[in-house]
C-alpha atoms as a PDB file:
ATOM      1  CA  MET A   1      93.365 -42.917-146.200  1.00  0.00           C
ATOM      2  CA  LEU A   2      89.578 -43.128-146.316  1.00  0.00           C
ATOM      3  CA  ALA A   3      88.056 -42.776-149.757  1.00  0.00           C
ATOM      4  CA  GLY A   4      86.969 -39.244-150.542  1.00  0.00           C
ATOM      5  CA  MET A   5      89.010 -37.674-147.740  1.00  0.00           C
ATOM      6  CA  ASP A   6      91.459 -34.834-148.386  1.00  0.00           C
ATOM      7  CA  ARG A   7      95.008 -35.102-147.109  1.00  0.00           C
ATOM      8  CA  GLN A   8      95.835 -32.480-144.491  1.00  0.00           C
ATOM      9  CA  PRO A   9      99.028 -30.392-144.761  1.00  0.00           C
ATOM     10  CA  GLU A  10     101.740 -32.842-143.739  1.00  0.00           C
ATOM     11  CA  THR A  11     103.782 -30.317-141.776  1.00  0.00           C
ATOM     12  CA  MET A  12     100.817 -29.316-139.607  1.00  0.00           C
ATOM     13  CA  VAL A  13      99.877 -32.934-138.952  1.00  0.00           C
ATOM     14  CA  LEU A  14     103.405 -33.882-137.911  1.00  0.00           C
ATOM     15  CA  VAL A  15     104.097 -30.749-135.857  1.00  0.00           C
ATOM     16  CA  THR A  16     100.856 -31.060-133.890  1.00  0.00           C
ATOM     17  CA  ALA A  17     101.556 -34.763-133.330  1.00  0.00           C
ATOM     18  CA  GLY A  18     104.979 -33.818-131.987  1.00  0.00           C
ATOM     19  CA  LEU A  19     103.547 -31.170-129.677  1.00  0.00           C
ATOM     20  CA  ALA A  20     100.948 -33.590-128.338  1.00  0.00           C
ATOM     21  CA  PHE A  21     103.683 -36.166-127.723  1.00  0.00           C
ATOM     22  CA  VAL A  22     105.695 -33.629-125.722  1.00  0.00           C
ATOM     23  CA  VAL A  23     102.662 -32.772-123.570  1.00  0.00           C
ATOM     24  CA  VAL A  24     101.948 -36.433-122.905  1.00  0.00           C
ATOM     25  CA  ALA A  25     105.595 -37.402-122.334  1.00  0.00           C
ATOM     26  CA  LEU A  26     106.596 -34.637-119.899  1.00  0.00           C
ATOM     27  CA  SER A  27     105.061 -35.224-116.495  1.00  0.00           C
ATOM     28  CA  TRP A  28     104.842 -31.530-115.565  1.00  0.00           C
ATOM     29  CA  LEU A  29     102.752 -30.883-118.679  1.00  0.00           C
ATOM     30  CA  TRP A  30     100.882 -34.167-118.577  1.00  0.00           C
ATOM     31  CA  ARG A  31      99.549 -33.744-115.044  1.00  0.00           C
ATOM     32  CA  PRO A  32      97.354 -30.652-115.691  1.00  0.00           C
ATOM     33  CA  ALA A  33      96.542 -31.710-119.265  1.00  0.00           C
ATOM     34  CA  ARG A  34      95.369 -35.118-118.093  1.00  0.00           C
ATOM     35  CA  ASN A  35      92.250 -33.489-116.663  1.00  0.00           C
ATOM     36  CA  VAL A  36      90.991 -33.367-120.270  1.00  0.00           C
ATOM     37  CA  ILE A  37      91.541 -37.114-120.612  1.00  0.00           C
ATOM     38  CA  THR A  38      89.675 -37.653-117.345  1.00  0.00           C
ATOM     39  CA  ILE A  39      86.715 -35.613-118.599  1.00  0.00           C
ATOM     40  CA  VAL A  40      86.486 -37.771-121.734  1.00  0.00           C
ATOM     41  CA  HIS A  41      87.103 -40.966-119.744  1.00  0.00           C
ATOM     42  CA  GLU A  42      84.209 -40.263-117.388  1.00  0.00           C
ATOM     43  CA  ALA A  43      82.018 -39.063-120.251  1.00  0.00           C
ATOM     44  CA  GLY A  44      82.624 -42.441-121.909  1.00  0.00           C
ATOM     45  CA  HIS A  45      81.462 -44.269-118.791  1.00  0.00           C
ATOM     46  CA  ALA A  46      78.429 -42.000-118.477  1.00  0.00           C
ATOM     47  CA  LEU A  47      77.308 -42.255-122.092  1.00  0.00           C
ATOM     48  CA  VAL A  48      77.559 -46.039-122.219  1.00  0.00           C
ATOM     49  CA  ALA A  49      75.843 -46.370-118.844  1.00  0.00           C
ATOM     50  CA  VAL A  50      72.857 -44.410-120.179  1.00  0.00           C
ATOM     51  CA  LEU A  51      72.825 -46.355-123.456  1.00  0.00           C
ATOM     52  CA  ALA A  52      72.911 -49.600-121.469  1.00  0.00           C
ATOM     53  CA  GLY A  53      69.771 -48.567-119.587  1.00  0.00           C
ATOM     54  CA  ARG A  54      71.417 -47.519-116.334  1.00  0.00           C
ATOM     55  CA  ARG A  55      70.395 -44.323-114.517  1.00  0.00           C
ATOM     56  CA  LEU A  56      73.222 -41.816-114.399  1.00  0.00           C
ATOM     57  CA  THR A  57      73.464 -40.026-111.053  1.00  0.00           C
ATOM     58  CA  GLY A  58      76.580 -37.927-111.573  1.00  0.00           C
ATOM     59  CA  ILE A  59      80.253 -37.491-112.389  1.00  0.00           C
ATOM     60  CA  ARG A  60      82.988 -36.361-110.019  1.00  0.00           C
ATOM     61  CA  LEU A  61      86.362 -35.053-111.216  1.00  0.00           C
ATOM     62  CA  HIS A  62      89.191 -34.764-108.704  1.00  0.00           C
ATOM     63  CA  SER A  63      92.312 -32.588-108.512  1.00  0.00           C
ATOM     64  CA  ASP A  64      94.571 -35.675-108.645  1.00  0.00           C
ATOM     65  CA  THR A  65      93.149 -36.235-112.197  1.00  0.00           C
ATOM     66  CA  SER A  66      91.062 -39.212-111.084  1.00  0.00           C
ATOM     67  CA  GLY A  67      87.315 -39.338-111.624  1.00  0.00           C
ATOM     68  CA  LEU A  68      84.204 -41.265-110.733  1.00  0.00           C
ATOM     69  CA  THR A  69      80.981 -41.901-112.635  1.00  0.00           C
ATOM     70  CA  LEU A  70      77.981 -42.992-110.595  1.00  0.00           C
ATOM     71  CA  SER A  71      75.007 -44.834-112.060  1.00  0.00           C
ATOM     72  CA  LYS A  72      72.214 -47.003-110.738  1.00  0.00           C
ATOM     73  CA  GLY A  73      71.138 -50.371-112.067  1.00  0.00           C
ATOM     74  CA  LYS A  74      72.090 -54.020-111.814  1.00  0.00           C
ATOM     75  CA  PRO A  75      75.615 -54.370-110.338  1.00  0.00           C
ATOM     76  CA  TYR A  76      76.423 -57.066-112.905  1.00  0.00           C
ATOM     77  CA  GLY A  77      75.722 -58.051-116.490  1.00  0.00           C
ATOM     78  CA  PRO A  78      76.608 -56.689-119.949  1.00  0.00           C
ATOM     79  CA  GLY A  79      75.595 -53.124-119.087  1.00  0.00           C
ATOM     80  CA  MET A  80      78.101 -52.939-116.247  1.00  0.00           C
ATOM     81  CA  VAL A  81      80.813 -54.580-118.346  1.00  0.00           C
ATOM     82  CA  LEU A  82      80.338 -52.134-121.221  1.00  0.00           C
ATOM     83  CA  THR A  83      80.230 -49.199-118.823  1.00  0.00           C
ATOM     84  CA  GLY A  84      83.507 -50.284-117.256  1.00  0.00           C
ATOM     85  CA  LEU A  85      85.140 -50.976-120.615  1.00  0.00           C
ATOM     86  CA  PHE A  86      84.551 -47.622-122.261  1.00  0.00           C
ATOM     87  CA  GLY A  87      86.407 -45.335-119.838  1.00  0.00           C
ATOM     88  CA  TYR A  88      89.984 -46.048-120.896  1.00  0.00           C
ATOM     89  CA  ILE A  89      89.127 -46.366-124.569  1.00  0.00           C
ATOM     90  CA  ALA A  90      86.864 -43.306-124.827  1.00  0.00           C
ATOM     91  CA  PRO A  91      89.688 -40.769-125.448  1.00  0.00           C
ATOM     92  CA  SER A  92      91.165 -42.862-128.255  1.00  0.00           C
ATOM     93  CA  LEU A  93      87.800 -43.604-129.843  1.00  0.00           C
ATOM     94  CA  LEU A  94      86.963 -39.893-129.763  1.00  0.00           C
ATOM     95  CA  GLY A  95      90.401 -39.111-131.188  1.00  0.00           C
ATOM     96  CA  LEU A  96      89.762 -41.585-134.005  1.00  0.00           C
ATOM     97  CA  ALA A  97      86.399 -39.960-134.749  1.00  0.00           C
ATOM     98  CA  PHE A  98      88.115 -36.569-134.792  1.00  0.00           C
ATOM     99  CA  ALA A  99      90.727 -37.940-137.194  1.00  0.00           C
ATOM    100  CA  ALA A 100      87.947 -38.873-139.607  1.00  0.00           C
ATOM    101  CA  LEU A 101      86.487 -35.373-139.320  1.00  0.00           C
ATOM    102  CA  LEU A 102      89.861 -33.697-139.860  1.00  0.00           C
ATOM    103  CA  ALA A 103      90.665 -35.927-142.822  1.00  0.00           C
ATOM    104  CA  ALA A 104      87.449 -34.554-144.333  1.00  0.00           C
ATOM    105  CA  GLY A 105      88.371 -30.973-143.397  1.00  0.00           C
ATOM    106  CA  ARG A 106      85.605 -30.659-140.763  1.00  0.00           C
ATOM    107  CA  VAL A 107      87.424 -28.518-138.196  1.00  0.00           C
ATOM    108  CA  THR A 108      84.278 -26.666-137.105  1.00  0.00           C
ATOM    109  CA  ALA A 109      82.406 -29.924-136.536  1.00  0.00           C
ATOM    110  CA  LEU A 110      85.213 -31.133-134.272  1.00  0.00           C
ATOM    111  CA  LEU A 111      85.084 -27.970-132.171  1.00  0.00           C
ATOM    112  CA  VAL A 112      81.293 -28.181-131.926  1.00  0.00           C
ATOM    113  CA  ILE A 113      81.469 -31.796-130.725  1.00  0.00           C
ATOM    114  CA  CYS A 114      83.999 -30.747-128.075  1.00  0.00           C
ATOM    115  CA  ALA A 115      81.618 -28.019-126.903  1.00  0.00           C
ATOM    116  CA  VAL A 116      78.646 -30.412-126.752  1.00  0.00           C
ATOM    117  CA  LEU A 117      80.717 -32.932-124.801  1.00  0.00           C
ATOM    118  CA  LEU A 118      81.764 -30.309-122.253  1.00  0.00           C
ATOM    119  CA  VAL A 119      78.219 -29.012-121.811  1.00  0.00           C
ATOM    120  CA  GLY A 120      76.952 -32.553-121.325  1.00  0.00           C
ATOM    121  CA  VAL A 121      79.566 -33.292-118.665  1.00  0.00           C
ATOM    122  CA  LEU A 122      78.959 -29.947-116.953  1.00  0.00           C
ATOM    123  CA  LEU A 123      75.281 -30.813-116.526  1.00  0.00           C
ATOM    124  CA  VAL A 124      76.082 -33.981-114.572  1.00  0.00           C
ATOM    125  CA  VAL A 125      79.222 -32.982-112.643  1.00  0.00           C
ATOM    126  CA  ARG A 126      78.595 -33.093-108.914  1.00  0.00           C
ATOM    127  CA  ASN A 127      81.653 -31.459-107.302  1.00  0.00           C
ATOM    128  CA  PHE A 128      83.315 -28.046-107.337  1.00  0.00           C
ATOM    129  CA  PHE A 129      86.632 -29.103-108.865  1.00  0.00           C
ATOM    130  CA  GLY A 130      84.772 -30.947-111.591  1.00  0.00           C
ATOM    131  CA  VAL A 131      82.829 -27.818-112.500  1.00  0.00           C
ATOM    132  CA  PHE A 132      86.032 -25.761-112.451  1.00  0.00           C
ATOM    133  CA  SER A 133      87.890 -28.279-114.630  1.00  0.00           C
ATOM    134  CA  VAL A 134      85.136 -28.407-117.248  1.00  0.00           C
ATOM    135  CA  LEU A 135      84.711 -24.616-117.317  1.00  0.00           C
ATOM    136  CA  ALA A 136      88.465 -24.045-117.634  1.00  0.00           C
ATOM    137  CA  THR A 137      88.649 -26.484-120.538  1.00  0.00           C
ATOM    138  CA  GLY A 138      85.611 -24.866-122.107  1.00  0.00           C
ATOM    139  CA  ALA A 139      87.109 -21.397-121.757  1.00  0.00           C
ATOM    140  CA  VAL A 140      90.137 -22.438-123.829  1.00  0.00           C
ATOM    141  CA  LEU A 141      87.867 -24.007-126.439  1.00  0.00           C
ATOM    142  CA  VAL A 142      85.633 -20.924-126.654  1.00  0.00           C
ATOM    143  CA  ALA A 143      88.604 -18.569-126.906  1.00  0.00           C
ATOM    144  CA  VAL A 144      90.105 -20.470-129.825  1.00  0.00           C
ATOM    145  CA  SER A 145      86.759 -21.013-131.548  1.00  0.00           C
ATOM    146  CA  LYS A 146      85.616 -17.402-131.225  1.00  0.00           C
ATOM    147  CA  TRP A 147      88.747 -15.319-131.671  1.00  0.00           C
ATOM    148  CA  ALA A 148      91.443 -17.441-133.305  1.00  0.00           C
ATOM    149  CA  PRO A 149      91.787 -17.317-137.113  1.00  0.00           C
ATOM    150  CA  ASP A 150      91.366 -20.431-139.233  1.00  0.00           C
ATOM    151  CA  GLU A 151      95.154 -20.747-139.399  1.00  0.00           C
ATOM    152  CA  VAL A 152      95.126 -21.374-135.643  1.00  0.00           C
ATOM    153  CA  GLN A 153      91.895 -23.340-135.326  1.00  0.00           C
ATOM    154  CA  ALA A 154      92.997 -26.119-137.662  1.00  0.00           C
ATOM    155  CA  PRO A 155      96.279 -26.860-135.823  1.00  0.00           C
ATOM    156  CA  PHE A 156      94.429 -26.590-132.500  1.00  0.00           C
ATOM    157  CA  ALA A 157      91.913 -29.185-133.674  1.00  0.00           C
ATOM    158  CA  HIS A 158      94.741 -31.505-134.763  1.00  0.00           C
ATOM    159  CA  LEU A 159      96.443 -31.006-131.410  1.00  0.00           C
ATOM    160  CA  ILE A 160      93.247 -32.054-129.619  1.00  0.00           C
ATOM    161  CA  MET A 161      93.017 -35.163-131.771  1.00  0.00           C
ATOM    162  CA  TRP A 162      96.625 -36.267-131.214  1.00  0.00           C
ATOM    163  CA  PHE A 163      96.429 -35.483-127.505  1.00  0.00           C
ATOM    164  CA  LEU A 164      93.367 -37.694-127.082  1.00  0.00           C
ATOM    165  CA  LEU A 165      95.027 -40.547-128.958  1.00  0.00           C
ATOM    166  CA  LEU A 166      98.389 -40.348-127.194  1.00  0.00           C
ATOM    167  CA  GLY A 167      96.918 -39.391-123.827  1.00  0.00           C
ATOM    168  CA  GLY A 168      94.596 -42.378-123.951  1.00  0.00           C
ATOM    169  CA  ILE A 169      97.605 -44.663-124.355  1.00  0.00           C
ATOM    170  CA  ARG A 170      99.582 -43.027-121.542  1.00  0.00           C
ATOM    171  CA  SER A 171      96.614 -43.231-119.166  1.00  0.00           C
ATOM    172  CA  VAL A 172      96.545 -47.012-119.671  1.00  0.00           C
ATOM    173  CA  GLY A 173     100.267 -47.157-118.915  1.00  0.00           C
ATOM    174  CA  ASP A 174      99.714 -45.100-115.767  1.00  0.00           C
ATOM    175  CA  LEU A 175      96.924 -47.472-114.769  1.00  0.00           C
ATOM    176  CA  GLN A 176      99.146 -50.529-115.007  1.00  0.00           C
ATOM    177  CA  ARG A 177     101.967 -48.825-113.079  1.00  0.00           C
ATOM    178  CA  LEU A 178      99.543 -48.103-110.238  1.00  0.00           C
ATOM    179  CA  ARG A 179      98.198 -51.657-110.378  1.00  0.00           C
ATOM    180  CA  SER A 180     101.699 -53.107-110.212  1.00  0.00           C
ATOM    181  CA  ARG A 181     102.267 -51.135-106.994  1.00  0.00           C
ATOM    182  CA  GLY A 182      98.987 -52.267-105.474  1.00  0.00           C
ATOM    183  CA  ARG A 183      97.550 -48.744-105.594  1.00  0.00           C
ATOM    184  CA  ALA A 184      94.590 -49.297-107.940  1.00  0.00           C
ATOM    185  CA  ARG A 185      92.684 -52.242-106.496  1.00  0.00           C
ATOM    186  CA  ASP A 186      89.345 -50.748-107.537  1.00  0.00           C
ATOM    187  CA  SER A 187      90.408 -49.653-111.029  1.00  0.00           C
ATOM    188  CA  ASP A 188      88.237 -50.200-114.092  1.00  0.00           C
ATOM    189  CA  ALA A 189      90.364 -53.215-115.044  1.00  0.00           C
ATOM    190  CA  ASP A 190      89.957 -54.803-111.621  1.00  0.00           C
ATOM    191  CA  GLN A 191      86.220 -54.118-111.528  1.00  0.00           C
ATOM    192  CA  LEU A 192      85.929 -55.761-114.947  1.00  0.00           C
ATOM    193  CA  ALA A 193      87.936 -58.709-113.628  1.00  0.00           C
ATOM    194  CA  ARG A 194      85.439 -59.185-110.812  1.00  0.00           C
ATOM    195  CA  LEU A 195      82.511 -58.873-113.223  1.00  0.00           C
ATOM    196  CA  THR A 196      83.814 -61.265-115.873  1.00  0.00           C
ATOM    197  CA  GLY A 197      86.401 -63.543-114.279  1.00  0.00           C
ATOM    198  CA  ALA A 198      89.049 -62.462-116.803  1.00  0.00           C
ATOM    199  CA  PRO A 199      92.166 -61.136-115.015  1.00  0.00           C
ATOM    200  CA  GLY A 200      92.721 -57.408-114.662  1.00  0.00           C
ATOM    201  CA  LEU A 201      95.835 -57.593-116.827  1.00  0.00           C
ATOM    202  CA  PHE A 202      93.690 -58.942-119.661  1.00  0.00           C
ATOM    203  CA  TRP A 203      91.538 -55.823-119.511  1.00  0.00           C
ATOM    204  CA  VAL A 204      94.563 -53.527-119.348  1.00  0.00           C
ATOM    205  CA  GLY A 205      95.841 -55.262-122.472  1.00  0.00           C
ATOM    206  CA  ALA A 206      92.441 -54.855-124.133  1.00  0.00           C
ATOM    207  CA  PHE A 207      92.425 -51.127-123.359  1.00  0.00           C
ATOM    208  CA  LEU A 208      95.934 -50.784-124.765  1.00  0.00           C
ATOM    209  CA  MET A 209      95.263 -52.757-127.957  1.00  0.00           C
ATOM    210  CA  ILE A 210      92.154 -50.732-128.753  1.00  0.00           C
ATOM    211  CA  ASP A 211      93.956 -47.452-128.067  1.00  0.00           C
ATOM    212  CA  LEU A 212      96.948 -48.456-130.175  1.00  0.00           C
ATOM    213  CA  GLY A 213      94.611 -49.555-132.959  1.00  0.00           C
ATOM    214  CA  CYS A 214      92.986 -46.126-132.998  1.00  0.00           C
ATOM    215  CA  LEU A 215      96.411 -44.483-133.236  1.00  0.00           C
ATOM    216  CA  VAL A 216      97.516 -46.759-136.077  1.00  0.00           C
ATOM    217  CA  LEU A 217      94.331 -46.044-138.040  1.00  0.00           C
ATOM    218  CA  THR A 218      94.786 -42.316-137.547  1.00  0.00           C
ATOM    219  CA  VAL A 219      98.378 -42.429-138.773  1.00  0.00           C
ATOM    220  CA  GLY A 220      97.186 -44.366-141.803  1.00  0.00           C
ATOM    221  CA  TRP A 221      94.530 -41.767-142.581  1.00  0.00           C
ATOM    222  CA  LEU A 222      96.503 -38.594-141.970  1.00  0.00           C
ATOM    223  CA  VAL A 223     100.197 -39.392-142.343  1.00  0.00           C
ATOM    224  CA  VAL A 224     100.939 -42.458-144.479  1.00  0.00           C
END
């Protein structure tokens, strides 16, 4: 646990972790819920692209839970590598940041960050389904933030955190399954392979190790 952080009620932490695991593990729940992971994934690409000096031109979110972030700049170099890297690790990194906030009892701050993220993505989404997906996610967030009592908001915030952490890991697994079937030849991992010369499987492993590391740190902060 981080110094100065308060331990959250153990039952709530474990129950919300279990609920998030069920959502991620069951395909019929995972498919619609994965749109949230896609939003964060594409937001990760977009943010790093801007920080790397690229010009963001838009985000597209699709009904099959895939997404695309478009930016202009050099088609090679560290900026492109960092932009490609941060998609599959963005959900877990955000989940880790949320874990730090929750360990400090900052539920409201977590919900505010979620709202800012959604507004930011909404401003750059360039297709109808993308707008619908962001607004639907935002509607749930607003409803809980505005009308739910504190006894509901805190578990909801923990559920978001665990879902980002576990969903980030499953999305990497889904990526590799598609790659193994030859159905993801232009995936982030394969684009990074072309940019760096390191094989796509190396980048899949890098995504997975970072995501697992975020989960382990969170368990250490909130559970152990």
